[in-house]
Each structure stands twice: as structure tokens, then as C-alpha cells.
PDB file of N, CA and C in Angstrom:
ATOM      1  N   UNK A   1       0.729  -1.192   0.083  1.00  0.00           N
ATOM      2  CA  UNK A   1       0.088  -0.100   0.149  1.00  0.00           C
ATOM      3  C   UNK A   1       0.873   1.218   0.051  1.00  0.00           C
ATOM      4  N   UNK A   2       0.719   2.564  -1.026  1.00  0.00           N
ATOM      5  CA  UNK A   2       1.253   3.314  -0.507  1.00  0.00           C
ATOM      6  C   UNK A   2       1.182   4.150   0.159  1.00  0.00           C
ATOM      7  N   UNK A   3       2.030   4.864   0.892  1.00  0.00           N
ATOM      8  CA  UNK A   3       1.863   5.864   2.085  1.00  0.00           C
ATOM      9  C   UNK A   3       0.998   7.278   2.157  1.00  0.00           C
ATOM     10  N   UNK A   4      -0.026   7.424   2.937  1.00  0.00           N
ATOM     11  CA  UNK A   4      -0.551   8.437   2.950  1.00  0.00           C
ATOM     12  C   UNK A   4       0.284   9.566   3.507  1.00  0.00           C
ATOM     13  N   UNK A   5       0.064  10.386   2.802  1.00  0.00           N
ATOM     14  CA  UNK A   5       0.480  11.951   3.479  1.00  0.00           C
ATOM     15  C   UNK A   5      -0.187  12.777   3.526  1.00  0.00           C
ATOM     16  N   UNK A   6      -0.636  13.258   4.933  1.00  0.00           N
ATOM     17  CA  UNK A   6      -1.471  14.521   5.393  1.00  0.00           C
ATOM     18  C   UNK A   6      -0.281  15.631   5.832  1.00  0.00           C
ATOM     19  N   UNK A   7      -1.344  16.804   5.673  1.00  0.00           N
ATOM     20  CA  UNK A   7      -0.798  17.848   5.722  1.00  0.00           C
ATOM     21  C   UNK A   7      -1.689  18.602   6.886  1.00  0.00           C
ATOM     22  N   UNK A   8      -1.075  19.465   7.975  1.00  0.00           N
ATOM     23  CA  UNK A   8      -1.790  20.117   8.974  1.00  0.00           C
ATOM     24  C   UNK A   8      -1.106  21.703   9.229  1.00  0.00           C
ATOM     25  N   UNK A   9      -1.534  22.459   9.382  1.00  0.00           N
ATOM     26  CA  UNK A   9      -1.136  23.408   9.521  1.00  0.00           C
ATOM     27  C   UNK A   9      -1.011  23.621  11.316  1.00  0.00           C
ATOM     28  N   UNK A  10       0.465  24.388  11.593  1.00  0.00           N
ATOM     29  CA  UNK A  10       0.844  24.354  12.997  1.00  0.00           C
ATOM     30  C   UNK A  10       0.163  25.243  13.744  1.00  0.00           C
ATOM     31  N   UNK A  11      -0.953  24.444  13.946  1.00  0.00           N
ATOM     32  CA  UNK A  11      -1.914  25.147  15.266  1.00  0.00           C
ATOM     33  C   UNK A  11      -2.368  24.588  16.244  1.00  0.00           C
ATOM     34  N   UNK A  12      -3.023  25.112  17.349  1.00  0.00           N
ATOM     35  CA  UNK A  12      -3.430  24.112  17.872  1.00  0.00           C
ATOM     36  C   UNK A  12      -4.269  23.262  18.016  1.00  0.00           C
ATOM     37  N   UNK A  13      -5.239  23.153  16.904  1.00  0.00           N
ATOM     38  CA  UNK A  13      -5.727  22.337  16.296  1.00  0.00           C
ATOM     39  C   UNK A  13      -5.129  20.883  15.536  1.00  0.00           C
ATOM     40  N   UNK A  14      -4.197  21.406  15.451  1.00  0.00           N
ATOM     41  CA  UNK A  14      -3.162  19.727  14.431  1.00  0.00           C
ATOM     42  C   UNK A  14      -3.554  18.609  15.200  1.00  0.00           C
ATOM     43  N   UNK A  15      -3.607  18.656  16.518  1.00  0.00           N
ATOM     44  CA  UNK A  15      -3.236  17.272  17.072  1.00  0.00           C
ATOM     45  C   UNK A  15      -4.785  16.491  17.192  1.00  0.00           C
ATOM     46  N   UNK A  16      -5.371  17.125  17.481  1.00  0.00           N
ATOM     47  CA  UNK A  16      -7.002  17.035  17.181  1.00  0.00           C
ATOM     48  C   UNK A  16      -7.581  16.390  15.946  1.00  0.00           C
ATOM     49  N   UNK A  17      -7.257  17.281  14.677  1.00  0.00           N
ATOM     50  CA  UNK A  17      -6.996  16.711  13.578  1.00  0.00           C
ATOM     51  C   UNK A  17      -6.570  16.009  13.031  1.00  0.00           C
ATOM     52  N   UNK A  18      -5.376  15.435  13.350  1.00  0.00           N
ATOM     53  CA  UNK A  18      -4.599  14.258  13.408  1.00  0.00           C
ATOM     54  C   UNK A  18      -5.218  12.871  13.843  1.00  0.00           C
ATOM     55  N   UNK A  19      -5.603  13.103  15.298  1.00  0.00           N
ATOM     56  CA  UNK A  19      -6.431  12.015  16.106  1.00  0.00           C
ATOM     57  C   UNK A  19      -7.658  11.944  15.116  1.00  0.00           C
ATOM     58  N   UNK A  20      -7.975  12.461  14.815  1.00  0.00           N
ATOM     59  CA  UNK A  20      -9.468  12.485  13.988  1.00  0.00           C
ATOM     60  C   UNK A  20      -9.125  11.807  13.120  1.00  0.00           C
ATOM     61  N   UNK A  21      -8.487  12.019  12.245  1.00  0.00           N
ATOM     62  CA  UNK A  21      -8.067  11.211  10.867  1.00  0.00           C
ATOM     63  C   UNK A  21      -7.204  10.115  11.254  1.00  0.00           C
ATOM     64  N   UNK A  22      -6.879   9.240  12.276  1.00  0.00           N
ATOM     65  CA  UNK A  22      -6.362   8.440  12.587  1.00  0.00           C
ATOM     66  C   UNK A  22      -7.655   7.630  13.061  1.00  0.00           C
ATOM     67  N   UNK A  23      -8.667   8.188  13.464  1.00  0.00           N
ATOM     68  CA  UNK A  23      -9.806   7.340  14.140  1.00  0.00           C
ATOM     69  C   UNK A  23     -10.495   6.903  12.878  1.00  0.00           C
ATOM     70  N   UNK A  24     -10.703   7.960  11.590  1.00  0.00           N
ATOM     71  CA  UNK A  24     -11.340   7.358  10.873  1.00  0.00           C
ATOM     72  C   UNK A  24     -10.984   6.918   9.894  1.00  0.00           C
ATOM     73  N   UNK A  25      -9.879   6.517   9.486  1.00  0.00           N
ATOM     74  CA  UNK A  25      -9.216   5.697   8.562  1.00  0.00           C
ATOM     75  C   UNK A  25      -8.519   4.515   8.745  1.00  0.00           C
ATOM     76  N   UNK A  26      -8.273   4.370  10.605  1.00  0.00           N
ATOM     77  CA  UNK A  26      -7.333   2.738  10.401  1.00  0.00           C
ATOM     78  C   UNK A  26      -8.539   1.829  11.058  1.00  0.00           C
ATOM     79  N   UNK A  27     -10.229   2.281  10.905  1.00  0.00           N
ATOM     80  CA  UNK A  27     -11.266   1.146  10.900  1.00  0.00           C
ATOM     81  C   UNK A  27     -11.181   0.569  11.974  1.00  0.00           C
ATOM     82  N   UNK A  28     -10.554  -0.785  12.045  1.00  0.00           N
ATOM     83  CA  UNK A  28     -11.121  -1.884  12.780  1.00  0.00           C
ATOM     84  C   UNK A  28      -9.618  -2.143  13.733  1.00  0.00           C
ATOM     85  N   UNK A  29      -8.810  -1.520  12.874  1.00  0.00           N
ATOM     86  CA  UNK A  29      -7.574  -1.617  13.578  1.00  0.00           C
ATOM     87  C   UNK A  29      -7.497  -2.029  14.951  1.00  0.00           C
ATOM     88  N   UNK A  30      -6.692  -2.792  15.330  1.00  0.00           N
ATOM     89  CA  UNK A  30      -6.924  -3.526  16.578  1.00  0.00           C
ATOM     90  C   UNK A  30      -5.975  -2.546  17.676  1.00  0.00           C
ATOM     91  N   UNK A  31      -5.214  -1.454  17.115  1.00  0.00           N
ATOM     92  CA  UNK A  31      -4.576  -0.694  18.262  1.00  0.00           C
ATOM     93  C   UNK A  31      -4.649   0.695  17.702  1.00  0.00           C
ATOM     94  N   UNK A  32      -6.428   0.963  17.364  1.00  0.00           N
ATOM     95  CA  UNK A  32      -6.049   2.327  16.793  1.00  0.00           C
ATOM     96  C   UNK A  32      -5.986   2.940  17.971  1.00  0.00           C
ATOM     97  N   UNK A  33      -6.642   2.982  18.831  1.00  0.00           N
ATOM     98  CA  UNK A  33      -6.312   4.069  20.109  1.00  0.00           C
ATOM     99  C   UNK A  33      -4.951   3.989  20.367  1.00  0.00           C
ATOM    100  N   UNK A  34      -4.612   3.083  20.773  1.00  0.00           N
ATOM    101  CA  UNK A  34      -2.799   3.391  20.847  1.00  0.00           C
ATOM    102  C   UNK A  34      -2.581   4.413  19.717  1.00  0.00           C
ATOM    103  N   UNK A  35      -2.401   4.209  18.520  1.00  0.00           N
ATOM    104  CA  UNK A  35      -2.203   5.193  16.985  1.00  0.00           C
ATOM    105  C   UNK A  35      -2.868   6.783  17.879  1.00  0.00           C
ATOM    106  N   UNK A  36      -3.758   6.554  18.026  1.00  0.00           N
ATOM    107  CA  UNK A  36      -4.516   8.382  18.206  1.00  0.00           C
ATOM    108  C   UNK A  36      -3.710   9.050  19.139  1.00  0.00           C
ATOM    109  N   UNK A  37      -3.563   8.015  20.350  1.00  0.00           N
ATOM    110  CA  UNK A  37      -2.451   8.551  21.295  1.00  0.00           C
ATOM    111  C   UNK A  37      -1.459   9.060  20.849  1.00  0.00           C
ATOM    112  N   UNK A  38      -0.611   8.413  20.701  1.00  0.00           N
ATOM    113  CA  UNK A  38       0.437   8.568  20.021  1.00  0.00           C
ATOM    114  C   UNK A  38       0.957   9.583  18.843  1.00  0.00           C
ATOM    115  N   UNK A  39      -0.024   9.633  17.892  1.00  0.00           N
ATOM    116  CA  UNK A  39      -0.173  10.187  16.817  1.00  0.00           C
ATOM    117  C   UNK A  39      -0.361  11.940  17.514  1.00  0.00           C
ATOM    118  N   UNK A  40      -1.227  12.099  18.511  1.00  0.00           N
ATOM    119  CA  UNK A  40      -1.501  13.497  19.069  1.00  0.00           C
ATOM    120  C   UNK A  40      -0.465  13.613  19.885  1.00  0.00           C
ATOM    121  N   UNK A  41       0.404  12.668  20.645  1.00  0.00           N
ATOM    122  CA  UNK A  41       1.521  13.303  21.452  1.00  0.00           C
ATOM    123  C   UNK A  41       2.706  13.976  20.166  1.00  0.00           C
ATOM    124  N   UNK A  42       2.691  13.314  19.529  1.00  0.00           N
ATOM    125  CA  UNK A  42       4.276  13.590  18.381  1.00  0.00           C
ATOM    126  C   UNK A  42       3.673  14.881  17.707  1.00  0.00           C
ATOM    127  N   UNK A  43       2.226  14.958  17.160  1.00  0.00           N
ATOM    128  CA  UNK A  43       2.000  16.158  16.805  1.00  0.00           C
ATOM    129  C   UNK A  43       2.066  17.368  17.035  1.00  0.00           C
ATOM    130  N   UNK A  44       1.758  17.226  18.562  1.00  0.00           N
ATOM    131  CA  UNK A  44       1.614  18.169  19.824  1.00  0.00           C
ATOM    132  C   UNK A  44       2.969  18.807  20.146  1.00  0.00           C
ATOM    133  N   UNK A  45       3.848  17.654  19.910  1.00  0.00           N
ATOM    134  CA  UNK A  45       5.204  18.378  19.846  1.00  0.00           C
ATOM    135  C   UNK A  45       5.944  19.169  18.856  1.00  0.00           C
ATOM    136  N   UNK A  46       5.438  18.584  17.847  1.00  0.00           N
ATOM    137  CA  UNK A  46       5.702  19.385  16.685  1.00  0.00           C
ATOM    138  C   UNK A  46       5.019  20.735  16.458  1.00  0.00           C
ATOM    139  N   UNK A  47       3.793  20.758  17.175  1.00  0.00           N
ATOM    140  CA  UNK A  47       3.349  22.356  17.272  1.00  0.00           C
ATOM    141  C   UNK A  47       4.033  23.018  18.028  1.00  0.00           C
ATOM    142  N   UNK A  48       4.033  22.350  19.213  1.00  0.00           N
ATOM    143  CA  UNK A  48       4.945  23.268  20.112  1.00  0.00           C
ATOM    144  C   UNK A  48       6.708  23.635  20.331  1.00  0.00           C
ATOM    145  N   UNK A  49       7.345  22.639  18.993  1.00  0.00           N
ATOM    146  CA  UNK A  49       8.485  23.242  19.287  1.00  0.00           C
ATOM    147  C   UNK A  49       9.051  23.282  17.936  1.00  0.00           C
ATOM    148  N   UNK A  50       7.919  22.654  16.898  1.00  0.00           N
ATOM    149  CA  UNK A  50       8.343  23.382  15.444  1.00  0.00           C
ATOM    150  C   UNK A  50       8.513  24.477  14.947  1.00  0.00           C
ATOM    151  N   UNK A  51       9.218  24.782  13.620  1.00  0.00           N
ATOM    152  CA  UNK A  51       9.316  26.258  13.065  1.00  0.00           C
ATOM    153  C   UNK A  51       7.873  26.348  12.552  1.00  0.00           C
ATOM    154  N   UNK A  52       8.023  27.940  12.734  1.00  0.00           N
ATOM    155  CA  UNK A  52       6.630  28.348  11.788  1.00  0.00           C
ATOM    156  C   UNK A  52       5.913  27.458  10.256  1.00  0.00           C
ATOM    157  N   UNK A  53       5.834  26.064  10.223  1.00  0.00           N
ATOM    158  CA  UNK A  53       5.731  25.921   8.881  1.00  0.00           C
ATOM    159  C   UNK A  53       4.465  24.642   9.046  1.00  0.00           C
ATOM    160  N   UNK A  54       4.148  24.133   8.420  1.00  0.00           N
ATOM    161  CA  UNK A  54       3.378  22.824   8.340  1.00  0.00           C
ATOM    162  C   UNK A  54       3.999  21.574   8.622  1.00  0.00           C
ATOM    163  N   UNK A  55       2.956  20.432   9.537  1.00  0.00           N
ATOM    164  CA  UNK A  55       3.354  19.444   9.632  1.00  0.00           C
ATOM    165  C   UNK A  55       2.663  18.156   8.703  1.00  0.00           C
ATOM    166  N   UNK A  56       3.463  17.470   8.457  1.00  0.00           N
ATOM    167  CA  UNK A  56       3.200  16.155   7.873  1.00  0.00           C
ATOM    168  C   UNK A  56       2.881  14.697   8.812  1.00  0.00           C
ATOM    169  N   UNK A  57       2.034  14.281   8.769  1.00  0.00           N
ATOM    170  CA  UNK A  57       1.669  13.014   8.835  1.00  0.00           C
ATOM    171  C   UNK A  57       2.075  11.789   7.793  1.00  0.00           C
ATOM    172  N   UNK A  58       3.161  11.192   7.919  1.00  0.00           N
ATOM    173  CA  UNK A  58       3.042   9.874   6.901  1.00  0.00           C
ATOM    174  C   UNK A  58       2.668   8.520   7.368  1.00  0.00           C
ATOM    175  N   UNK A  59       1.614   7.869   6.789  1.00  0.00           N
ATOM    176  CA  UNK A  59       0.916   6.464   7.145  1.00  0.00           C
ATOM    177  C   UNK A  59       1.280   5.591   6.121  1.00  0.00           C
ATOM    178  N   UNK A  60       2.039   4.738   6.837  1.00  0.00           N
ATOM    179  CA  UNK A  60       2.480   3.376   6.141  1.00  0.00           C
ATOM    180  C   UNK A  60       2.035   2.258   6.661  1.00  0.00           C
ATOM    181  N   UNK A  61       1.476   0.972   5.552  1.00  0.00           N
ATOM    182  CA  UNK A  61       1.055  -0.017   6.427  1.00  0.00           C
ATOM    183  C   UNK A  61       1.349  -1.135   5.346  1.00  0.00           C
ATOM    184  N   UNK A  62       2.326  -2.037   6.076  1.00  0.00           N
ATOM    185  CA  UNK A  62       2.775  -3.384   5.369  1.00  0.00           C
ATOM    186  C   UNK A  62       1.646  -4.457   5.204  1.00  0.00           C
ATOM    187  N   UNK A  63       0.702  -4.291   6.518  1.00  0.00           N
ATOM    188  CA  UNK A  63      -0.184  -5.444   6.631  1.00  0.00           C
ATOM    189  C   UNK A  63       0.357  -6.433   8.179  1.00  0.00           C
ATOM    190  N   UNK A  64       1.466  -6.006   8.401  1.00  0.00           N
ATOM    191  CA  UNK A  64       2.354  -6.802   9.668  1.00  0.00           C
ATOM    192  C   UNK A  64       2.610  -5.630  10.254  1.00  0.00           C
ATOM    193  N   UNK A  65       2.628  -4.087  10.335  1.00  0.00           N
ATOM    194  CA  UNK A  65       2.306  -3.061  10.921  1.00  0.00           C
ATOM    195  C   UNK A  65       2.374  -2.065  10.341  1.00  0.00           C
ATOM    196  N   UNK A  66       2.211  -1.007  11.173  1.00  0.00           N
ATOM    197  CA  UNK A  66       1.839   0.757  10.563  1.00  0.00           C
ATOM    198  C   UNK A  66       2.774   1.520  10.996  1.00  0.00           C
ATOM    199  N   UNK A  67       3.413   2.306  10.314  1.00  0.00           N
ATOM    200  CA  UNK A  67       3.921   3.275  10.612  1.00  0.00           C
ATOM    201  C   UNK A  67       3.674   4.458  10.683  1.00  0.00           C
ATOM    202  N   UNK A  68       3.889   5.100  11.139  1.00  0.00           N
ATOM    203  CA  UNK A  68       3.208   6.487  11.718  1.00  0.00           C
ATOM    204  C   UNK A  68       4.676   7.836  11.871  1.00  0.00           C
ATOM    205  N   UNK A  69       4.855   8.570  11.018  1.00  0.00           N
ATOM    206  CA  UNK A  69       5.866   9.615  10.882  1.00  0.00           C
ATOM    207  C   UNK A  69       5.621  10.876  11.169  1.00  0.00           C
ATOM    208  N   UNK A  70       5.501  11.357  12.181  1.00  0.00           N
ATOM    209  CA  UNK A  70       5.287  13.006  12.060  1.00  0.00           C
ATOM    210  C   UNK A  70       6.749  13.845  11.867  1.00  0.00           C
ATOM    211  N   UNK A  71       6.647  14.704  10.832  1.00  0.00           N
ATOM    212  CA  UNK A  71       7.672  15.383  10.080  1.00  0.00           C
ATOM    213  C   UNK A  71       7.507  16.708  10.050  1.00  0.00           C
ATOM    214  N   UNK A  72       8.465  17.627  10.824  1.00  0.00           N
ATOM    215  CA  UNK A  72       8.521  19.307  10.754  1.00  0.00           C
ATOM    216  C   UNK A  72       9.713  19.533  10.022  1.00  0.00           C
ATOM    217  N   UNK A  73       9.726  20.686   9.970  1.00  0.00           N
ATOM    218  CA  UNK A  73      10.717  21.350   9.617  1.00  0.00           C
ATOM    219  C   UNK A  73      12.283  21.926  10.406  1.00  0.00           C
ATOM    220  N   UNK A  74      11.626  21.364  11.719  1.00  0.00           N
ATOM    221  CA  UNK A  74      12.732  21.838  12.320  1.00  0.00           C
ATOM    222  C   UNK A  74      13.985  21.636  12.759  1.00  0.00           C
ATOM    223  N   UNK A  75      14.884  22.305  12.731  1.00  0.00           N
ATOM    224  CA  UNK A  75      16.657  21.515  12.676  1.00  0.00           C
ATOM    225  C   UNK A  75      16.753  21.348  14.542  1.00  0.00           C
ATOM    226  N   UNK A  76      16.223  21.871  15.175  1.00  0.00           N
ATOM    227  CA  UNK A  76      16.903  21.302  16.314  1.00  0.00           C
ATOM    228  C   UNK A  76      16.404  20.428  17.359  1.00  0.00           C
ATOM    229  N   UNK A  77      17.555  20.352  18.354  1.00  0.00           N
ATOM    230  CA  UNK A  77      17.107  18.993  19.300  1.00  0.00           C
ATOM    231  C   UNK A  77      15.438  18.422  19.648  1.00  0.00           C
ATOM    232  N   UNK A  78      15.469  17.112  19.434  1.00  0.00           N
ATOM    233  CA  UNK A  78      13.807  17.047  20.248  1.00  0.00           C
ATOM    234  C   UNK A  78      13.775  17.217  21.703  1.00  0.00           C
ATOM    235  N   UNK A  79      12.814  17.663  21.935  1.00  0.00           N
ATOM    236  CA  UNK A  79      12.312  17.862  23.901  1.00  0.00           C
ATOM    237  C   UNK A  79      13.012  16.572  24.006  1.00  0.00           C
ATOM    238  N   UNK A  80      13.713  16.802  25.618  1.00  0.00           N
ATOM    239  CA  UNK A  80      14.244  15.816  26.283  1.00  0.00           C
ATOM    240  C   UNK A  80      13.224  14.686  26.572  1.00  0.00           C
ATOM    241  N   UNK A  81      13.402  13.309  26.757  1.00  0.00           N
ATOM    242  CA  UNK A  81      12.108  12.272  27.566  1.00  0.00           C
ATOM    243  C   UNK A  81      12.703  12.626  29.072  1.00  0.00           C
ATOM    244  N   UNK A  82      11.277  12.628  29.821  1.00  0.00           N
ATOM    245  CA  UNK A  82      11.759  12.804  31.556  1.00  0.00           C
ATOM    246  C   UNK A  82      11.610  11.887  31.728  1.00  0.00           C
ATOM    247  N   UNK A  83      12.162  11.507  33.075  1.00  0.00           N
ATOM    248  CA  UNK A  83      12.179  10.508  33.556  1.00  0.00           C
ATOM    249  C   UNK A  83      11.009   9.947  34.422  1.00  0.00           C
ATOM    250  N   UNK A  84      10.550   8.859  34.622  1.00  0.00           N
ATOM    251  CA  UNK A  84       9.121   8.350  34.913  1.00  0.00           C
ATOM    252  C   UNK A  84       9.308   9.323  36.135  1.00  0.00           C
ATOM    253  N   UNK A  85       9.625   9.310  37.161  1.00  0.00           N
ATOM    254  CA  UNK A  85       9.325   9.972  38.309  1.00  0.00           C
ATOM    255  C   UNK A  85       9.271  11.773  38.207  1.00  0.00           C
ATOM    256  N   UNK A  86       9.593  11.997  37.156  1.00  0.00           N
ATOM    257  CA  UNK A  86       9.539  13.576  37.108  1.00  0.00           C
ATOM    258  C   UNK A  86       8.400  14.220  37.609  1.00  0.00           C
ATOM    259  N   UNK A  87       8.175  15.136  38.571  1.00  0.00           N
ATOM    260  CA  UNK A  87       6.905  15.606  38.854  1.00  0.00           C
ATOM    261  C   UNK A  87       6.441  16.930  38.396  1.00  0.00           C
ATOM    262  N   UNK A  88       7.137  17.267  37.236  1.00  0.00           N
ATOM    263  CA  UNK A  88       6.663  18.371  36.405  1.00  0.00           C
ATOM    264  C   UNK A  88       5.719  18.044  35.466  1.00  0.00           C
ATOM    265  N   UNK A  89       4.446  18.509  35.396  1.00  0.00           N
ATOM    266  CA  UNK A  89       3.937  18.705  34.390  1.00  0.00           C
ATOM    267  C   UNK A  89       4.163  18.792  32.925  1.00  0.00           C
ATOM    268  N   UNK A  90       3.350  17.645  32.183  1.00  0.00           N
ATOM    269  CA  UNK A  90       3.852  18.099  30.678  1.00  0.00           C
ATOM    270  C   UNK A  90       5.328  17.034  30.410  1.00  0.00           C
ATOM    271  N   UNK A  91       5.914  17.023  28.963  1.00  0.00           N
ATOM    272  CA  UNK A  91       7.356  16.067  28.686  1.00  0.00           C
ATOM    273  C   UNK A  91       7.202  15.210  28.541  1.00  0.00           C
ATOM    274  N   UNK A  92       5.962  14.665  28.837  1.00  0.00           N
ATOM    275  CA  UNK A  92       6.124  13.098  28.956  1.00  0.00           C
ATOM    276  C   UNK A  92       5.973  12.404  27.544  1.00  0.00           C
ATOM    277  N   UNK A  93       5.398  13.132  26.616  1.00  0.00           N
ATOM    278  CA  UNK A  93       5.021  12.121  25.405  1.00  0.00           C
ATOM    279  C   UNK A  93       5.675  11.222  24.938  1.00  0.00           C
ATOM    280  N   UNK A  94       7.155  11.511  24.687  1.00  0.00           N
ATOM    281  CA  UNK A  94       8.314  10.841  24.139  1.00  0.00           C
ATOM    282  C   UNK A  94       7.966   9.609  25.176  1.00  0.00           C
ATOM    283  N   UNK A  95       7.890   9.680  26.385  1.00  0.00           N
ATOM    284  CA  UNK A  95       7.897   8.466  27.059  1.00  0.00           C
ATOM    285  C   UNK A  95       6.757   7.939  26.996  1.00  0.00           C
ATOM    286  N   UNK A  96       5.891   7.981  26.574  1.00  0.00           N
ATOM    287  CA  UNK A  96       4.624   7.234  26.095  1.00  0.00           C
ATOM    288  C   UNK A  96       4.797   6.623  24.776  1.00  0.00           C
ATOM    289  N   UNK A  97       5.451   7.347  23.782  1.00  0.00           N
ATOM    290  CA  UNK A  97       5.778   6.476  22.469  1.00  0.00           C
ATOM    291  C   UNK A  97       6.235   5.564  23.011  1.00  0.00           C
ATOM    292  N   UNK A  98       7.804   5.481  23.950  1.00  0.00           N
ATOM    293  CA  UNK A  98       8.612   4.210  24.292  1.00  0.00           C
ATOM    294  C   UNK A  98       7.585   3.408  24.819  1.00  0.00           C
ATOM    295  N   UNK A  99       6.847   3.620  25.711  1.00  0.00           N
ATOM    296  CA  UNK A  99       5.850   2.579  26.123  1.00  0.00           C
ATOM    297  C   UNK A  99       4.973   1.779  25.624  1.00  0.00           C
ATOM    298  N   UNK A 100       4.376   2.522  24.626  1.00  0.00           N
ATOM    299  CA  UNK A 100       3.247   2.161  23.636  1.00  0.00           C
ATOM    300  C   UNK A 100       3.605   1.138  22.593  1.00  0.00           C
ATOM    301  N   UNK A 101       4.652   2.060  21.610  1.00  0.00           N
ATOM    302  CA  UNK A 101       4.695   1.507  20.410  1.00  0.00           C
ATOM    303  C   UNK A 101       5.825  -0.051  20.297  1.00  0.00           C
ATOM    304  N   UNK A 102       5.822  -0.557  19.485  1.00  0.00           N
ATOM    305  CA  UNK A 102       6.531  -1.471  19.567  1.00  0.00           C
ATOM    306  C   UNK A 102       7.698  -1.038  18.876  1.00  0.00           C
ATOM    307  N   UNK A 103       7.919  -0.234  18.115  1.00  0.00           N
ATOM    308  CA  UNK A 103       9.586   0.288  17.672  1.00  0.00           C
ATOM    309  C   UNK A 103       9.166   1.783  17.569  1.00  0.00           C
ATOM    310  N   UNK A 104      10.445   2.801  17.573  1.00  0.00           N
ATOM    311  CA  UNK A 104      10.444   4.350  17.405  1.00  0.00           C
ATOM    312  C   UNK A 104      11.724   4.707  17.185  1.00  0.00           C
ATOM    313  N   UNK A 105      11.744   5.307  16.573  1.00  0.00           N
ATOM    314  CA  UNK A 105      12.793   6.690  16.361  1.00  0.00           C
ATOM    315  C   UNK A 105      12.979   8.120  16.261  1.00  0.00           C
ATOM    316  N   UNK A 106      13.899   8.253  15.657  1.00  0.00           N
ATOM    317  CA  UNK A 106      13.988  10.028  15.088  1.00  0.00           C
ATOM    318  C   UNK A 106      15.219   9.972  14.232  1.00  0.00           C
ATOM    319  N   UNK A 107      14.943  10.966  12.650  1.00  0.00           N
ATOM    320  CA  UNK A 107      15.716  10.841  11.965  1.00  0.00           C
ATOM    321  C   UNK A 107      15.737  12.337  11.788  1.00  0.00           C
ATOM    322  N   UNK A 108      17.202  12.799  11.617  1.00  0.00           N
ATOM    323  CA  UNK A 108      17.680  14.073  11.885  1.00  0.00           C
ATOM    324  C   UNK A 108      17.381  14.721  10.496  1.00  0.00           C
ATOM    325  N   UNK A 109      17.480  16.158  10.875  1.00  0.00           N
ATOM    326  CA  UNK A 109      17.914  16.603   9.483  1.00  0.00           C
ATOM    327  C   UNK A 109      16.605  17.972   9.282  1.00  0.00           C
ATOM    328  N   UNK A 110      15.615  17.600   8.865  1.00  0.00           N
ATOM    329  CA  UNK A 110      14.564  18.141   9.700  1.00  0.00           C
ATOM    330  C   UNK A 110      14.267  17.076  11.000  1.00  0.00           C
ATOM    331  N   UNK A 111      13.362  17.720  11.277  1.00  0.00           N
ATOM    332  CA  UNK A 111      12.855  16.595  12.557  1.00  0.00           C
ATOM    333  C   UNK A 111      11.231  15.718  11.903  1.00  0.00           C
ATOM    334  N   UNK A 112      12.066  14.117  12.132  1.00  0.00           N
ATOM    335  CA  UNK A 112      10.611  13.113  11.943  1.00  0.00           C
ATOM    336  C   UNK A 112      11.156  12.432  13.164  1.00  0.00           C
ATOM    337  N   UNK A 113       9.843  11.966  13.512  1.00  0.00           N
ATOM    338  CA  UNK A 113       9.705  11.057  14.760  1.00  0.00           C
ATOM    339  C   UNK A 113       8.904  10.126  14.526  1.00  0.00           C
ATOM    340  N   UNK A 114       8.955   8.565  14.200  1.00  0.00           N
ATOM    341  CA  UNK A 114       8.445   7.817  14.273  1.00  0.00           C
ATOM    342  C   UNK A 114       8.176   6.567  14.838  1.00  0.00           C
ATOM    343  N   UNK A 115       6.690   5.801  14.592  1.00  0.00           N
ATOM    344  CA  UNK A 115       6.855   4.370  15.185  1.00  0.00           C
ATOM    345  C   UNK A 115       6.086   3.552  14.556  1.00  0.00           C
ATOM    346  N   UNK A 116       6.262   2.456  15.034  1.00  0.00           N
ATOM    347  CA  UNK A 116       5.588   1.390  14.490  1.00  0.00           C
ATOM    348  C   UNK A 116       4.476   0.812  15.619  1.00  0.00           C
ATOM    349  N   UNK A 117       3.211   0.479  15.321  1.00  0.00           N
ATOM    350  CA  UNK A 117       2.679  -0.801  15.853  1.00  0.00           C
ATOM    351  C   UNK A 117       2.254  -1.735  14.861  1.00  0.00           C
ATOM    352  N   UNK A 118       2.676  -2.991  15.779  1.00  0.00           N
ATOM    353  CA  UNK A 118       2.771  -4.700  15.089  1.00  0.00           C
ATOM    354  C   UNK A 118       1.057  -4.901  15.013  1.00  0.00           C
ATOM    355  N   UNK A 119       0.745  -6.048  14.176  1.00  0.00           N
ATOM    356  CA  UNK A 119      -0.653  -6.085  14.203  1.00  0.00           C
ATOM    357  C   UNK A 119      -0.231  -7.641  15.131  1.00  0.00           C
TER     358      UNK A 119
END
């Protein structure tokens, strides 16, 4: 299946729009709720820390796993993953990705954070 590429304006509405797309298009995918949560977290990071550019969500599925990539044009470092016992609010999105996703990673150049959910 070819990749699906969606573009969102870098606004506070982008995480919700991405979450709604995942809900509508993953149908009965057994990990749809996980995908919605993690896409929302990564798009939120792109809104907060990315440059004044659009955000792309790239979704690919090979029948065994679905990969979601959130891409913005930022060149800076990703926000650090907070320690599990850190009492500060916020900043735990990458920890969620680490715990829920089967695999995940980061590509530098322009910021691309991806995760995979296996069936």
C-alpha cells in the first residue's frame, strides 16, 4: 500500500485533526487507540517545538505493521524524554511513545519522529 501523507497547519487544532483522521481511517485496526494517542503526542510536540511551517503525518502499512511518521522542518533537538518520576507537568509524550509503540525512532535533518504498531 502506498504511503498516505497528510498536512496540517501548525496550530493548536493540529493534534485533534490528526487524531480524528487516525480514528476515521484505521477502521477496526486493533491498535487504533494507541495510534490516536501517539500521533496526538507527536503532533503536539511538532506544534510546540517546530518552526512556523506545516506538519506532515506519513502513514504506511505493510499488513504486519503500521508506521506513523510526524515530520516538521525543525532542525533543533527534540525535547528530552523526562524521567518517569519527574514531578513536572507535561513533557512525558516521548515516554508514552517509548512504552506504547513496538518500535520508534528519530531522523534528523528536518525532524521526523516515527513509531510502529505491529498487528
